Amino acid sequence: MTVPPVTPAPAASPAASATPSVAGRIRVIMAKPGLDGHDRGAKVVARALRDAGMEVIYTGLHQTPEQIVEAAVQEDADAIGMSVLSGAHLTLFRRVSDLLKERGADDVVVFGGGIIPEDDITELEQMGVAAVFTPGARTGDIVDWVRSHVGPVSSG
């Protein structure tokens, strides 16, 4: 199966203004943090969320937690979905969660997936990761979860 490419968002710059969310649409940042260069799963999930009517911004490969959080704040995202296959999931998710708190954006729902050992999922949940999807998760289940656990930011 060939998946059409998802165009990465341009690198976030502090001078860029936030894009207002489209009424009623969930805005999701899909991110590939760290050194892992395998992004097919992230692109498949991004496409499934987009096809389900959500607004998805894919940040591209090798993003730092700082870049991911900056994109979420600037894009007024409702959620951040991170795909981690490198084994650095505890460090990367913790840093993103800490940065969201520092920026006053801890209402952004964080979920993720990838090669994450079962023993680490409980620790991720304790640090505030709302859901972890491991290999074999159906895209329909991810879409349904996002729809039921993530809501668009109210406009005032």
N, C-alpha and C. Protein backbone atom coordinates (compact mmCIF):
# COMPACT_ATOMS: atom_id res chain seq x y z
N MET A 1 0.84 -1.17 0.00
CA MET A 1 0.00 0.00 0.00
C MET A 1 0.88 1.23 0.00
N THR A 2 0.65 2.13 -0.90
CA THR A 2 1.40 3.37 -0.96
C THR A 2 0.60 4.46 -0.27
N VAL A 3 1.25 5.15 0.66
CA VAL A 3 0.58 6.22 1.39
C VAL A 3 1.07 7.54 0.82
N PRO A 4 0.16 8.38 0.31
CA PRO A 4 0.59 9.68 -0.20
C PRO A 4 1.29 10.46 0.91
N PRO A 5 2.31 11.22 0.56
CA PRO A 5 3.07 11.94 1.58
C PRO A 5 2.22 12.99 2.28
N VAL A 6 2.54 13.17 3.55
CA VAL A 6 1.95 14.25 4.33
C VAL A 6 3.01 15.33 4.39
N THR A 7 2.67 16.51 3.97
CA THR A 7 3.64 17.59 3.92
C THR A 7 3.96 18.07 5.32
N PRO A 8 5.25 18.09 5.71
CA PRO A 8 5.61 18.58 7.03
C PRO A 8 5.30 20.07 7.15
N ALA A 9 4.94 20.46 8.37
CA ALA A 9 4.74 21.89 8.63
C ALA A 9 6.09 22.57 8.62
N PRO A 10 6.15 23.84 8.23
CA PRO A 10 7.42 24.55 8.30
C PRO A 10 7.86 24.65 9.75
N ALA A 11 9.15 24.80 9.95
CA ALA A 11 9.68 24.93 11.31
C ALA A 11 9.02 26.11 12.00
N ALA A 12 8.67 25.90 13.25
CA ALA A 12 7.99 26.95 14.00
C ALA A 12 8.95 28.10 14.29
N SER A 13 8.46 29.30 14.18
CA SER A 13 9.28 30.46 14.53
C SER A 13 8.52 31.27 15.56
N PRO A 14 9.23 31.84 16.54
CA PRO A 14 8.55 32.58 17.59
C PRO A 14 7.73 33.75 17.06
N ALA A 15 8.08 34.27 15.89
CA ALA A 15 7.38 35.43 15.36
C ALA A 15 6.07 35.06 14.65
N ALA A 16 5.89 33.77 14.35
CA ALA A 16 4.68 33.37 13.63
C ALA A 16 3.47 33.47 14.54
N SER A 17 2.35 33.86 13.98
CA SER A 17 1.14 33.99 14.80
C SER A 17 0.37 32.67 14.78
N ALA A 18 -0.40 32.44 15.82
CA ALA A 18 -1.18 31.22 15.90
C ALA A 18 -2.31 31.26 14.87
N THR A 19 -2.57 30.11 14.29
CA THR A 19 -3.65 29.99 13.33
C THR A 19 -4.91 29.64 14.09
N PRO A 20 -5.98 30.40 13.92
CA PRO A 20 -7.20 30.06 14.65
C PRO A 20 -7.76 28.73 14.19
N SER A 21 -8.29 27.95 15.13
CA SER A 21 -8.82 26.65 14.73
C SER A 21 -10.13 26.83 13.98
N VAL A 22 -10.37 25.92 13.06
CA VAL A 22 -11.60 25.92 12.30
C VAL A 22 -12.69 25.43 13.25
N ALA A 23 -13.81 26.14 13.29
CA ALA A 23 -14.88 25.83 14.24
C ALA A 23 -15.24 24.35 14.20
N GLY A 24 -15.20 23.72 15.38
CA GLY A 24 -15.62 22.35 15.50
C GLY A 24 -14.61 21.30 15.06
N ARG A 25 -13.47 21.69 14.55
CA ARG A 25 -12.47 20.70 14.11
C ARG A 25 -11.39 20.52 15.15
N ILE A 26 -11.04 19.30 15.39
CA ILE A 26 -9.95 18.98 16.30
C ILE A 26 -8.64 19.23 15.58
N ARG A 27 -7.71 19.92 16.25
CA ARG A 27 -6.38 20.21 15.68
C ARG A 27 -5.35 19.34 16.39
N VAL A 28 -4.62 18.55 15.61
CA VAL A 28 -3.65 17.60 16.16
C VAL A 28 -2.27 17.87 15.56
N ILE A 29 -1.28 17.97 16.41
CA ILE A 29 0.12 17.99 15.98
C ILE A 29 0.59 16.54 16.00
N MET A 30 1.07 16.04 14.87
CA MET A 30 1.68 14.71 14.82
C MET A 30 3.18 14.92 14.74
N ALA A 31 3.92 14.27 15.65
CA ALA A 31 5.34 14.55 15.77
C ALA A 31 6.18 13.29 15.84
N LYS A 32 7.37 13.38 15.30
CA LYS A 32 8.38 12.33 15.38
C LYS A 32 9.58 12.90 16.12
N PRO A 33 9.60 12.77 17.45
CA PRO A 33 10.71 13.34 18.21
C PRO A 33 11.95 12.46 18.17
N GLY A 34 13.08 13.10 18.42
CA GLY A 34 14.32 12.35 18.58
C GLY A 34 14.97 11.94 17.27
N LEU A 35 15.81 10.95 17.39
CA LEU A 35 16.67 10.55 16.27
C LEU A 35 16.05 9.51 15.35
N ASP A 36 14.94 8.95 15.73
CA ASP A 36 14.29 7.92 14.93
C ASP A 36 13.88 8.48 13.57
N GLY A 37 14.22 7.79 12.50
CA GLY A 37 13.92 8.26 11.16
C GLY A 37 12.80 7.51 10.47
N HIS A 38 12.05 6.70 11.21
CA HIS A 38 10.98 5.90 10.61
C HIS A 38 9.64 6.56 10.91
N ASP A 39 9.01 7.12 9.87
CA ASP A 39 7.79 7.88 10.13
C ASP A 39 6.56 7.36 9.40
N ARG A 40 6.62 6.20 8.84
CA ARG A 40 5.46 5.69 8.11
C ARG A 40 4.23 5.60 9.01
N GLY A 41 4.39 5.04 10.21
CA GLY A 41 3.25 4.92 11.12
C GLY A 41 2.65 6.27 11.47
N ALA A 42 3.50 7.26 11.73
CA ALA A 42 3.01 8.60 12.05
C ALA A 42 2.23 9.18 10.87
N LYS A 43 2.71 8.95 9.67
CA LYS A 43 2.02 9.46 8.49
C LYS A 43 0.69 8.75 8.25
N VAL A 44 0.65 7.45 8.52
CA VAL A 44 -0.61 6.70 8.36
C VAL A 44 -1.64 7.22 9.37
N VAL A 45 -1.23 7.43 10.61
CA VAL A 45 -2.15 7.96 11.62
C VAL A 45 -2.57 9.38 11.26
N ALA A 46 -1.62 10.21 10.82
CA ALA A 46 -1.94 11.59 10.42
C ALA A 46 -2.99 11.58 9.32
N ARG A 47 -2.82 10.72 8.35
CA ARG A 47 -3.77 10.64 7.24
C ARG A 47 -5.14 10.18 7.70
N ALA A 48 -5.17 9.19 8.60
CA ALA A 48 -6.45 8.69 9.11
C ALA A 48 -7.19 9.78 9.88
N LEU A 49 -6.47 10.54 10.69
CA LEU A 49 -7.10 11.63 11.44
C LEU A 49 -7.60 12.71 10.48
N ARG A 50 -6.80 13.03 9.49
CA ARG A 50 -7.21 14.03 8.50
C ARG A 50 -8.43 13.56 7.72
N ASP A 51 -8.42 12.31 7.29
CA ASP A 51 -9.55 11.77 6.54
C ASP A 51 -10.83 11.73 7.39
N ALA A 52 -10.66 11.72 8.72
CA ALA A 52 -11.79 11.72 9.63
C ALA A 52 -12.27 13.15 9.94
N GLY A 53 -11.68 14.14 9.26
CA GLY A 53 -12.14 15.51 9.41
C GLY A 53 -11.36 16.37 10.38
N MET A 54 -10.28 15.85 10.91
CA MET A 54 -9.46 16.63 11.83
C MET A 54 -8.41 17.43 11.07
N GLU A 55 -7.96 18.49 11.67
CA GLU A 55 -6.89 19.28 11.09
C GLU A 55 -5.59 18.74 11.69
N VAL A 56 -4.68 18.27 10.83
CA VAL A 56 -3.46 17.62 11.30
C VAL A 56 -2.26 18.38 10.76
N ILE A 57 -1.33 18.69 11.66
CA ILE A 57 -0.07 19.33 11.30
C ILE A 57 1.02 18.32 11.62
N TYR A 58 1.69 17.81 10.60
CA TYR A 58 2.79 16.86 10.80
C TYR A 58 4.08 17.65 10.84
N THR A 59 4.83 17.52 11.93
CA THR A 59 6.03 18.34 12.13
C THR A 59 7.26 17.83 11.39
N GLY A 60 7.24 16.60 10.93
CA GLY A 60 8.41 16.04 10.27
C GLY A 60 9.30 15.29 11.24
N LEU A 61 10.37 14.77 10.71
CA LEU A 61 11.31 13.95 11.49
C LEU A 61 12.22 14.79 12.37
N HIS A 62 12.76 14.13 13.38
CA HIS A 62 13.85 14.64 14.22
C HIS A 62 13.49 15.93 14.97
N GLN A 63 12.28 15.99 15.48
CA GLN A 63 11.86 17.18 16.22
C GLN A 63 12.28 17.08 17.68
N THR A 64 12.64 18.22 18.24
CA THR A 64 12.93 18.26 19.67
C THR A 64 11.63 18.48 20.42
N PRO A 65 11.57 18.12 21.69
CA PRO A 65 10.37 18.43 22.47
C PRO A 65 10.03 19.92 22.43
N GLU A 66 11.04 20.77 22.44
CA GLU A 66 10.81 22.22 22.37
C GLU A 66 10.12 22.61 21.07
N GLN A 67 10.54 22.03 19.95
CA GLN A 67 9.91 22.33 18.67
C GLN A 67 8.47 21.82 18.62
N ILE A 68 8.23 20.67 19.20
CA ILE A 68 6.89 20.09 19.20
C ILE A 68 5.93 20.96 20.01
N VAL A 69 6.36 21.35 21.20
CA VAL A 69 5.51 22.18 22.06
C VAL A 69 5.30 23.56 21.43
N GLU A 70 6.34 24.13 20.85
CA GLU A 70 6.20 25.44 20.19
C GLU A 70 5.17 25.35 19.06
N ALA A 71 5.23 24.28 18.27
CA ALA A 71 4.25 24.11 17.19
C ALA A 71 2.84 23.97 17.76
N ALA A 72 2.69 23.21 18.84
CA ALA A 72 1.36 23.03 19.45
C ALA A 72 0.80 24.35 19.95
N VAL A 73 1.65 25.16 20.57
CA VAL A 73 1.19 26.45 21.09
C VAL A 73 0.84 27.38 19.94
N GLN A 74 1.72 27.48 18.96
CA GLN A 74 1.48 28.39 17.83
C GLN A 74 0.27 27.97 17.00
N GLU A 75 0.05 26.68 16.86
CA GLU A 75 -1.06 26.18 16.05
C GLU A 75 -2.34 26.02 16.85
N ASP A 76 -2.32 26.39 18.14
CA ASP A 76 -3.49 26.27 19.01
C ASP A 76 -4.05 24.86 18.94
N ALA A 77 -3.15 23.88 19.07
CA ALA A 77 -3.53 22.48 18.94
C ALA A 77 -4.32 21.99 20.15
N ASP A 78 -5.21 21.06 19.88
CA ASP A 78 -5.96 20.39 20.93
C ASP A 78 -5.21 19.17 21.46
N ALA A 79 -4.34 18.61 20.61
CA ALA A 79 -3.63 17.39 20.99
C ALA A 79 -2.29 17.31 20.29
N ILE A 80 -1.40 16.54 20.91
CA ILE A 80 -0.11 16.18 20.31
C ILE A 80 -0.07 14.66 20.27
N GLY A 81 0.16 14.11 19.08
CA GLY A 81 0.37 12.68 18.93
C GLY A 81 1.83 12.46 18.57
N MET A 82 2.54 11.66 19.37
CA MET A 82 3.96 11.41 19.11
C MET A 82 4.18 9.94 18.81
N SER A 83 5.02 9.69 17.82
CA SER A 83 5.41 8.34 17.46
C SER A 83 6.88 8.17 17.83
N VAL A 84 7.15 7.21 18.71
CA VAL A 84 8.52 6.99 19.18
C VAL A 84 8.89 5.53 19.00
N LEU A 85 9.92 5.29 18.22
CA LEU A 85 10.39 3.93 17.99
C LEU A 85 11.82 3.72 18.51
N SER A 86 12.42 4.77 19.05
CA SER A 86 13.83 4.76 19.38
C SER A 86 14.16 4.23 20.77
N GLY A 87 13.17 4.04 21.62
CA GLY A 87 13.43 3.63 22.98
C GLY A 87 13.56 4.79 23.95
N ALA A 88 13.48 6.02 23.47
CA ALA A 88 13.62 7.20 24.32
C ALA A 88 12.27 7.76 24.73
N HIS A 89 11.23 6.94 24.69
CA HIS A 89 9.87 7.42 24.93
C HIS A 89 9.68 8.05 26.30
N LEU A 90 10.24 7.48 27.36
CA LEU A 90 10.04 8.06 28.69
C LEU A 90 10.61 9.47 28.77
N THR A 91 11.81 9.64 28.27
CA THR A 91 12.46 10.96 28.29
C THR A 91 11.71 11.96 27.42
N LEU A 92 11.35 11.57 26.20
CA LEU A 92 10.71 12.49 25.26
C LEU A 92 9.30 12.89 25.70
N PHE A 93 8.50 11.93 26.13
CA PHE A 93 7.15 12.27 26.59
C PHE A 93 7.20 13.13 27.85
N ARG A 94 8.13 12.81 28.77
CA ARG A 94 8.24 13.60 30.00
C ARG A 94 8.62 15.05 29.68
N ARG A 95 9.55 15.24 28.76
CA ARG A 95 9.98 16.60 28.42
C ARG A 95 8.84 17.38 27.75
N VAL A 96 8.10 16.75 26.85
CA VAL A 96 6.97 17.42 26.21
C VAL A 96 5.93 17.80 27.27
N SER A 97 5.62 16.88 28.18
CA SER A 97 4.64 17.18 29.23
C SER A 97 5.11 18.34 30.11
N ASP A 98 6.39 18.32 30.49
CA ASP A 98 6.94 19.40 31.32
C ASP A 98 6.89 20.74 30.59
N LEU A 99 7.24 20.75 29.32
CA LEU A 99 7.23 22.00 28.55
C LEU A 99 5.81 22.53 28.37
N LEU A 100 4.84 21.65 28.16
CA LEU A 100 3.45 22.10 28.05
C LEU A 100 3.01 22.79 29.34
N LYS A 101 3.38 22.21 30.48
CA LYS A 101 3.05 22.83 31.77
C LYS A 101 3.71 24.20 31.90
N GLU A 102 5.00 24.27 31.55
CA GLU A 102 5.73 25.54 31.62
C GLU A 102 5.08 26.62 30.76
N ARG A 103 4.55 26.22 29.62
CA ARG A 103 3.94 27.18 28.68
C ARG A 103 2.46 27.44 28.99
N GLY A 104 1.94 26.83 30.05
CA GLY A 104 0.53 27.02 30.38
C GLY A 104 -0.39 26.34 29.39
N ALA A 105 0.10 25.31 28.74
CA ALA A 105 -0.67 24.60 27.72
C ALA A 105 -0.92 23.16 28.12
N ASP A 106 -1.02 22.92 29.42
CA ASP A 106 -1.20 21.54 29.86
C ASP A 106 -2.60 21.00 29.60
N ASP A 107 -3.46 21.80 28.94
CA ASP A 107 -4.75 21.30 28.49
C ASP A 107 -4.65 20.58 27.15
N VAL A 108 -3.48 20.65 26.51
CA VAL A 108 -3.25 19.93 25.26
C VAL A 108 -3.10 18.45 25.60
N VAL A 109 -3.93 17.62 24.99
CA VAL A 109 -3.91 16.18 25.25
C VAL A 109 -2.72 15.56 24.52
N VAL A 110 -1.95 14.76 25.24
CA VAL A 110 -0.79 14.09 24.65
C VAL A 110 -1.10 12.60 24.55
N PHE A 111 -0.93 12.07 23.34
CA PHE A 111 -1.07 10.63 23.14
C PHE A 111 0.08 10.18 22.26
N GLY A 112 0.29 8.88 22.20
CA GLY A 112 1.42 8.43 21.41
C GLY A 112 1.33 6.98 21.03
N GLY A 113 2.39 6.58 20.36
CA GLY A 113 2.47 5.20 19.93
C GLY A 113 3.87 4.88 19.49
N GLY A 114 4.05 3.63 19.11
CA GLY A 114 5.35 3.18 18.66
C GLY A 114 5.75 1.92 19.39
N ILE A 115 7.05 1.70 19.41
CA ILE A 115 7.59 0.52 20.08
C ILE A 115 7.80 0.89 21.54
N ILE A 116 6.78 0.64 22.34
CA ILE A 116 6.81 1.03 23.75
C ILE A 116 6.49 -0.22 24.58
N PRO A 117 7.42 -0.62 25.43
CA PRO A 117 7.18 -1.82 26.25
C PRO A 117 5.97 -1.65 27.16
N GLU A 118 5.24 -2.72 27.33
CA GLU A 118 4.05 -2.72 28.19
C GLU A 118 4.35 -2.17 29.58
N ASP A 119 5.52 -2.51 30.12
CA ASP A 119 5.89 -2.05 31.46
C ASP A 119 6.02 -0.53 31.55
N ASP A 120 6.30 0.14 30.44
CA ASP A 120 6.48 1.59 30.45
C ASP A 120 5.17 2.36 30.25
N ILE A 121 4.13 1.68 29.79
CA ILE A 121 2.87 2.37 29.51
C ILE A 121 2.27 2.96 30.77
N THR A 122 2.32 2.24 31.88
CA THR A 122 1.79 2.76 33.14
C THR A 122 2.54 4.01 33.57
N GLU A 123 3.86 4.00 33.43
CA GLU A 123 4.65 5.19 33.80
C GLU A 123 4.30 6.38 32.90
N LEU A 124 4.10 6.13 31.60
CA LEU A 124 3.70 7.20 30.69
C LEU A 124 2.34 7.77 31.10
N GLU A 125 1.40 6.90 31.44
CA GLU A 125 0.09 7.36 31.87
C GLU A 125 0.18 8.18 33.15
N GLN A 126 1.06 7.79 34.07
CA GLN A 126 1.24 8.53 35.32
C GLN A 126 1.81 9.92 35.07
N MET A 127 2.59 10.08 34.01
CA MET A 127 3.14 11.41 33.71
C MET A 127 2.19 12.25 32.86
N GLY A 128 1.02 11.70 32.53
CA GLY A 128 0.02 12.49 31.84
C GLY A 128 -0.23 12.13 30.39
N VAL A 129 0.41 11.11 29.87
CA VAL A 129 0.13 10.67 28.50
C VAL A 129 -1.23 9.99 28.53
N ALA A 130 -2.16 10.50 27.73
CA ALA A 130 -3.55 10.07 27.81
C ALA A 130 -3.80 8.69 27.21
N ALA A 131 -3.02 8.31 26.20
CA ALA A 131 -3.19 6.99 25.57
C ALA A 131 -1.92 6.62 24.84
N VAL A 132 -1.67 5.31 24.80
CA VAL A 132 -0.51 4.78 24.08
C VAL A 132 -1.01 3.67 23.17
N PHE A 133 -0.73 3.83 21.87
CA PHE A 133 -1.13 2.84 20.87
C PHE A 133 0.12 2.11 20.41
N THR A 134 0.11 0.82 20.57
CA THR A 134 1.28 0.01 20.21
C THR A 134 1.07 -0.60 18.82
N PRO A 135 2.12 -1.22 18.26
CA PRO A 135 2.00 -1.80 16.92
C PRO A 135 0.78 -2.73 16.82
N GLY A 136 0.09 -2.60 15.72
CA GLY A 136 -1.11 -3.39 15.49
C GLY A 136 -2.39 -2.64 15.82
N ALA A 137 -2.27 -1.46 16.44
CA ALA A 137 -3.47 -0.67 16.73
C ALA A 137 -4.13 -0.30 15.41
N ARG A 138 -5.44 -0.38 15.37
CA ARG A 138 -6.17 -0.03 14.16
C ARG A 138 -6.34 1.48 14.08
N THR A 139 -6.18 2.04 12.89
CA THR A 139 -6.34 3.49 12.75
C THR A 139 -7.74 3.93 13.14
N GLY A 140 -8.74 3.11 12.87
CA GLY A 140 -10.11 3.44 13.26
C GLY A 140 -10.25 3.58 14.77
N ASP A 141 -9.54 2.73 15.52
CA ASP A 141 -9.58 2.83 16.98
C ASP A 141 -8.90 4.11 17.45
N ILE A 142 -7.82 4.51 16.79
CA ILE A 142 -7.13 5.75 17.15
C ILE A 142 -8.04 6.95 16.86
N VAL A 143 -8.66 6.96 15.69
CA VAL A 143 -9.58 8.04 15.33
C VAL A 143 -10.71 8.12 16.35
N ASP A 144 -11.31 6.99 16.68
CA ASP A 144 -12.41 6.98 17.65
C ASP A 144 -11.95 7.50 19.01
N TRP A 145 -10.75 7.09 19.43
CA TRP A 145 -10.24 7.55 20.72
C TRP A 145 -10.04 9.07 20.70
N VAL A 146 -9.42 9.58 19.64
CA VAL A 146 -9.19 11.03 19.57
C VAL A 146 -10.53 11.77 19.60
N ARG A 147 -11.49 11.31 18.83
CA ARG A 147 -12.80 11.97 18.81
C ARG A 147 -13.45 12.00 20.20
N SER A 148 -13.31 10.93 20.96
CA SER A 148 -13.99 10.86 22.25
C SER A 148 -13.20 11.46 23.41
N HIS A 149 -11.89 11.70 23.22
CA HIS A 149 -11.07 12.22 24.32
C HIS A 149 -10.46 13.59 24.08
N VAL A 150 -10.59 14.09 22.87
CA VAL A 150 -9.99 15.37 22.53
C VAL A 150 -11.07 16.25 21.92
N GLY A 151 -11.20 17.44 22.43
CA GLY A 151 -12.19 18.36 21.87
C GLY A 151 -11.53 19.62 21.38
N PRO A 152 -12.13 20.26 20.38
CA PRO A 152 -11.56 21.50 19.89
C PRO A 152 -11.61 22.59 20.97
N VAL A 153 -10.62 23.45 20.95
CA VAL A 153 -10.54 24.54 21.91
C VAL A 153 -11.74 25.45 21.68
N SER A 154 -12.43 25.78 22.75
CA SER A 154 -13.58 26.68 22.60
C SER A 154 -13.09 28.07 22.25
N SER A 155 -13.89 28.80 21.52
CA SER A 155 -13.46 30.10 21.02
C SER A 155 -13.92 31.23 21.94
N GLY A 156 -13.73 31.07 23.21
CA GLY A 156 -13.87 32.20 24.04
C GLY A 156 -14.88 32.19 25.05
